[in-house]
Amino acid sequence: MNDWYPPLTGVFSIHDSKVLSSIVKETKPRTILDLGPRQGRTTSVILEALITSQEDLSGIKYYLFEKDLDFLPNIRNYCLTLNTGIQFEFNENIIGYDFSSIPDLDFCFIDANHDYILARWY
């Protein structure tokens, strides 16, 4: 399982990644919203869980929002090099985004700024 994760330490515990992976494997989401993936560790956990739990990945839509433009190209490259058939949409900013364009959201992972004010705003 650890082969999927970018080489980062101290980001979150292996227990956290196992819980996240289990939730994704159990729910088998087809439309995913990932807010603030930053370096992509949790994104890689979500993708690994999707890949190992579902035979047909075509039709899965994965929306990512990362405002820090230093990280967005790395996330994009990582996701696209997997060649999974998942449809990705990479966005720089959540403000002004028309969320009505995302039908039937199955899974939302908010990994952005971890403070009360921003979480409440989301």
C-alpha atoms as a PDB file:
ATOM      1  CA  MET A   1       0.000   0.000   0.000  1.00  0.00           C
ATOM      2  CA  ASN A   2       2.801   2.474   0.774  1.00  0.00           C
ATOM      3  CA  ASP A   3       4.131   2.288  -2.806  1.00  0.00           C
ATOM      4  CA  TRP A   4       1.309   4.589  -3.918  1.00  0.00           C
ATOM      5  CA  TYR A   5       2.141   7.441  -1.597  1.00  0.00           C
ATOM      6  CA  PRO A   6       4.503  10.256  -2.501  1.00  0.00           C
ATOM      7  CA  PRO A   7       7.567  10.186  -0.218  1.00  0.00           C
ATOM      8  CA  LEU A   8       6.320  12.528   2.493  1.00  0.00           C
ATOM      9  CA  THR A   9       6.744  12.093   6.200  1.00  0.00           C
ATOM     10  CA  GLY A  10       4.900  13.680   9.077  1.00  0.00           C
ATOM     11  CA  VAL A  11       1.903  14.733   6.995  1.00  0.00           C
ATOM     12  CA  PHE A  12      -0.579  12.407   8.653  1.00  0.00           C
ATOM     13  CA  SER A  13      -0.481   8.990  10.259  1.00  0.00           C
ATOM     14  CA  ILE A  14      -0.685   5.654   8.484  1.00  0.00           C
ATOM     15  CA  HIS A  15      -3.855   5.076  10.529  1.00  0.00           C
ATOM     16  CA  ASP A  16      -5.444   8.160   8.963  1.00  0.00           C
ATOM     17  CA  SER A  17      -4.580   6.925   5.482  1.00  0.00           C
ATOM     18  CA  LYS A  18      -6.030   3.480   6.234  1.00  0.00           C
ATOM     19  CA  VAL A  19      -9.291   5.031   7.439  1.00  0.00           C
ATOM     20  CA  LEU A  20      -9.511   7.258   4.361  1.00  0.00           C
ATOM     21  CA  SER A  21      -8.726   4.315   2.083  1.00  0.00           C
ATOM     22  CA  SER A  22     -11.351   2.138   3.774  1.00  0.00           C
ATOM     23  CA  ILE A  23     -14.035   4.812   3.389  1.00  0.00           C
ATOM     24  CA  VAL A  24     -13.301   5.201  -0.332  1.00  0.00           C
ATOM     25  CA  LYS A  25     -13.199   1.437  -0.915  1.00  0.00           C
ATOM     26  CA  GLU A  26     -16.490   0.958   0.936  1.00  0.00           C
ATOM     27  CA  THR A  27     -18.408   3.815  -0.705  1.00  0.00           C
ATOM     28  CA  LYS A  28     -16.943   3.451  -4.233  1.00  0.00           C
ATOM     29  CA  PRO A  29     -17.587   7.095  -5.130  1.00  0.00           C
ATOM     30  CA  ARG A  30     -18.034   8.066  -8.781  1.00  0.00           C
ATOM     31  CA  THR A  31     -17.881  11.858  -8.285  1.00  0.00           C
ATOM     32  CA  ILE A  32     -15.205  13.223  -5.954  1.00  0.00           C
ATOM     33  CA  LEU A  33     -14.431  16.738  -4.745  1.00  0.00           C
ATOM     34  CA  ASP A  34     -10.947  17.227  -3.258  1.00  0.00           C
ATOM     35  CA  LEU A  35     -10.339  20.656  -1.707  1.00  0.00           C
ATOM     36  CA  GLY A  36      -6.767  21.695  -0.987  1.00  0.00           C
ATOM     37  CA  PRO A  37      -4.745  18.597  -1.895  1.00  0.00           C
ATOM     38  CA  ARG A  38      -1.510  20.585  -1.550  1.00  0.00           C
ATOM     39  CA  GLN A  39       1.252  17.962  -2.016  1.00  0.00           C
ATOM     40  CA  GLY A  40      -1.124  15.158  -2.941  1.00  0.00           C
ATOM     41  CA  ARG A  41      -0.663  12.593  -0.216  1.00  0.00           C
ATOM     42  CA  THR A  42      -4.367  12.210   0.569  1.00  0.00           C
ATOM     43  CA  THR A  43      -5.156  12.431  -3.134  1.00  0.00           C
ATOM     44  CA  SER A  44      -2.844   9.474  -3.741  1.00  0.00           C
ATOM     45  CA  VAL A  45      -4.603   7.521  -0.972  1.00  0.00           C
ATOM     46  CA  ILE A  46      -8.004   8.231  -2.533  1.00  0.00           C
ATOM     47  CA  LEU A  47      -6.775   7.244  -6.007  1.00  0.00           C
ATOM     48  CA  GLU A  48      -5.124   4.051  -4.763  1.00  0.00           C
ATOM     49  CA  ALA A  49      -8.366   3.060  -3.031  1.00  0.00           C
ATOM     50  CA  LEU A  50     -10.370   3.738  -6.198  1.00  0.00           C
ATOM     51  CA  ILE A  51      -7.975   1.754  -8.369  1.00  0.00           C
ATOM     52  CA  THR A  52      -7.878  -1.263  -6.079  1.00  0.00           C
ATOM     53  CA  SER A  53     -11.610  -1.379  -5.339  1.00  0.00           C
ATOM     54  CA  GLN A  54     -13.242  -0.746  -8.706  1.00  0.00           C
ATOM     55  CA  GLU A  55     -12.793  -2.576 -11.980  1.00  0.00           C
ATOM     56  CA  ASP A  56     -14.257   0.155 -14.181  1.00  0.00           C
ATOM     57  CA  LEU A  57     -12.808   3.606 -13.478  1.00  0.00           C
ATOM     58  CA  SER A  58     -14.212   5.197 -16.614  1.00  0.00           C
ATOM     59  CA  GLY A  59     -16.900   7.701 -15.811  1.00  0.00           C
ATOM     60  CA  ILE A  60     -15.391   8.635 -12.442  1.00  0.00           C
ATOM     61  CA  LYS A  61     -15.095  12.401 -12.161  1.00  0.00           C
ATOM     62  CA  TYR A  62     -12.520  13.845  -9.802  1.00  0.00           C
ATOM     63  CA  TYR A  63     -12.550  17.599  -9.111  1.00  0.00           C
ATOM     64  CA  LEU A  64      -9.477  19.099  -7.437  1.00  0.00           C
ATOM     65  CA  PHE A  65      -9.125  22.640  -6.129  1.00  0.00           C
ATOM     66  CA  GLU A  66      -5.672  23.886  -5.117  1.00  0.00           C
ATOM     67  CA  LYS A  67      -5.090  27.612  -4.806  1.00  0.00           C
ATOM     68  CA  ASP A  68      -1.323  27.303  -4.300  1.00  0.00           C
ATOM     69  CA  LEU A  69      -0.108  27.313  -7.891  1.00  0.00           C
ATOM     70  CA  ASP A  70       3.273  25.888  -6.884  1.00  0.00           C
ATOM     71  CA  PHE A  71       1.569  22.583  -6.080  1.00  0.00           C
ATOM     72  CA  LEU A  72      -1.117  22.343  -8.772  1.00  0.00           C
ATOM     73  CA  PRO A  73       1.184  21.224 -11.655  1.00  0.00           C
ATOM     74  CA  ASN A  74       2.616  18.393  -9.537  1.00  0.00           C
ATOM     75  CA  ILE A  75      -0.854  17.172  -8.584  1.00  0.00           C
ATOM     76  CA  ARG A  76      -1.950  17.357 -12.233  1.00  0.00           C
ATOM     77  CA  ASN A  77       1.089  15.420 -13.463  1.00  0.00           C
ATOM     78  CA  TYR A  78       0.709  12.741 -10.795  1.00  0.00           C
ATOM     79  CA  CYS A  79      -2.983  12.174 -11.530  1.00  0.00           C
ATOM     80  CA  LEU A  80      -2.640  12.128 -15.290  1.00  0.00           C
ATOM     81  CA  THR A  81       0.369   9.796 -15.402  1.00  0.00           C
ATOM     82  CA  LEU A  82      -1.671   7.084 -13.682  1.00  0.00           C
ATOM     83  CA  ASN A  83      -3.681   6.588 -16.927  1.00  0.00           C
ATOM     84  CA  THR A  84      -6.715   5.298 -15.037  1.00  0.00           C
ATOM     85  CA  GLY A  85      -9.532   6.587 -17.227  1.00  0.00           C
ATOM     86  CA  ILE A  86     -10.683   8.850 -14.386  1.00  0.00           C
ATOM     87  CA  GLN A  87     -11.793  12.259 -15.652  1.00  0.00           C
ATOM     88  CA  PHE A  88      -9.952  14.966 -13.717  1.00  0.00           C
ATOM     89  CA  GLU A  89     -10.765  18.642 -13.479  1.00  0.00           C
ATOM     90  CA  PHE A  90      -8.026  20.789 -11.939  1.00  0.00           C
ATOM     91  CA  ASN A  91      -9.026  24.174 -10.559  1.00  0.00           C
ATOM     92  CA  GLU A  92      -7.027  27.012  -9.079  1.00  0.00           C
ATOM     93  CA  ASN A  93      -9.752  28.667  -7.080  1.00  0.00           C
ATOM     94  CA  ILE A  94     -12.984  27.604  -5.450  1.00  0.00           C
ATOM     95  CA  ILE A  95     -14.379  31.140  -5.238  1.00  0.00           C
ATOM     96  CA  GLY A  96     -16.914  31.745  -7.981  1.00  0.00           C
ATOM     97  CA  TYR A  97     -16.975  28.101  -9.110  1.00  0.00           C
ATOM     98  CA  ASP A  98     -20.400  26.921 -10.237  1.00  0.00           C
ATOM     99  CA  PHE A  99     -20.918  23.804  -8.099  1.00  0.00           C
ATOM    100  CA  SER A 100     -24.247  23.130  -9.775  1.00  0.00           C
ATOM    101  CA  SER A 101     -22.117  21.756 -12.628  1.00  0.00           C
ATOM    102  CA  ILE A 102     -21.110  18.825 -10.387  1.00  0.00           C
ATOM    103  CA  PRO A 103     -24.011  16.378 -10.432  1.00  0.00           C
ATOM    104  CA  ASP A 104     -24.519  13.814  -7.699  1.00  0.00           C
ATOM    105  CA  LEU A 105     -21.437  14.444  -5.559  1.00  0.00           C
ATOM    106  CA  ASP A 106     -20.508  11.163  -3.834  1.00  0.00           C
ATOM    107  CA  PHE A 107     -17.426  12.105  -1.829  1.00  0.00           C
ATOM    108  CA  CYS A 108     -15.973  15.381  -0.579  1.00  0.00           C
ATOM    109  CA  PHE A 109     -12.582  15.565   1.084  1.00  0.00           C
ATOM    110  CA  ILE A 110     -11.698  18.936   2.601  1.00  0.00           C
ATOM    111  CA  ASP A 111      -7.966  19.020   3.224  1.00  0.00           C
ATOM    112  CA  ALA A 112      -7.553  22.754   2.899  1.00  0.00           C
ATOM    113  CA  ASN A 113      -6.609  25.200   5.626  1.00  0.00           C
ATOM    114  CA  HIS A 114      -7.535  23.392   8.828  1.00  0.00           C
ATOM    115  CA  ASP A 115      -9.046  26.253  10.747  1.00  0.00           C
ATOM    116  CA  TYR A 116     -12.610  26.820  11.868  1.00  0.00           C
ATOM    117  CA  ILE A 117     -13.306  29.891   9.742  1.00  0.00           C
ATOM    118  CA  LEU A 118     -12.317  28.290   6.440  1.00  0.00           C
ATOM    119  CA  ALA A 119     -13.978  24.959   7.242  1.00  0.00           C
ATOM    120  CA  ARG A 120     -17.183  26.801   8.097  1.00  0.00           C
ATOM    121  CA  TRP A 121     -16.934  28.794   4.862  1.00  0.00           C
ATOM    122  CA  TYR A 122     -16.610  25.551   2.854  1.00  0.00           C
END
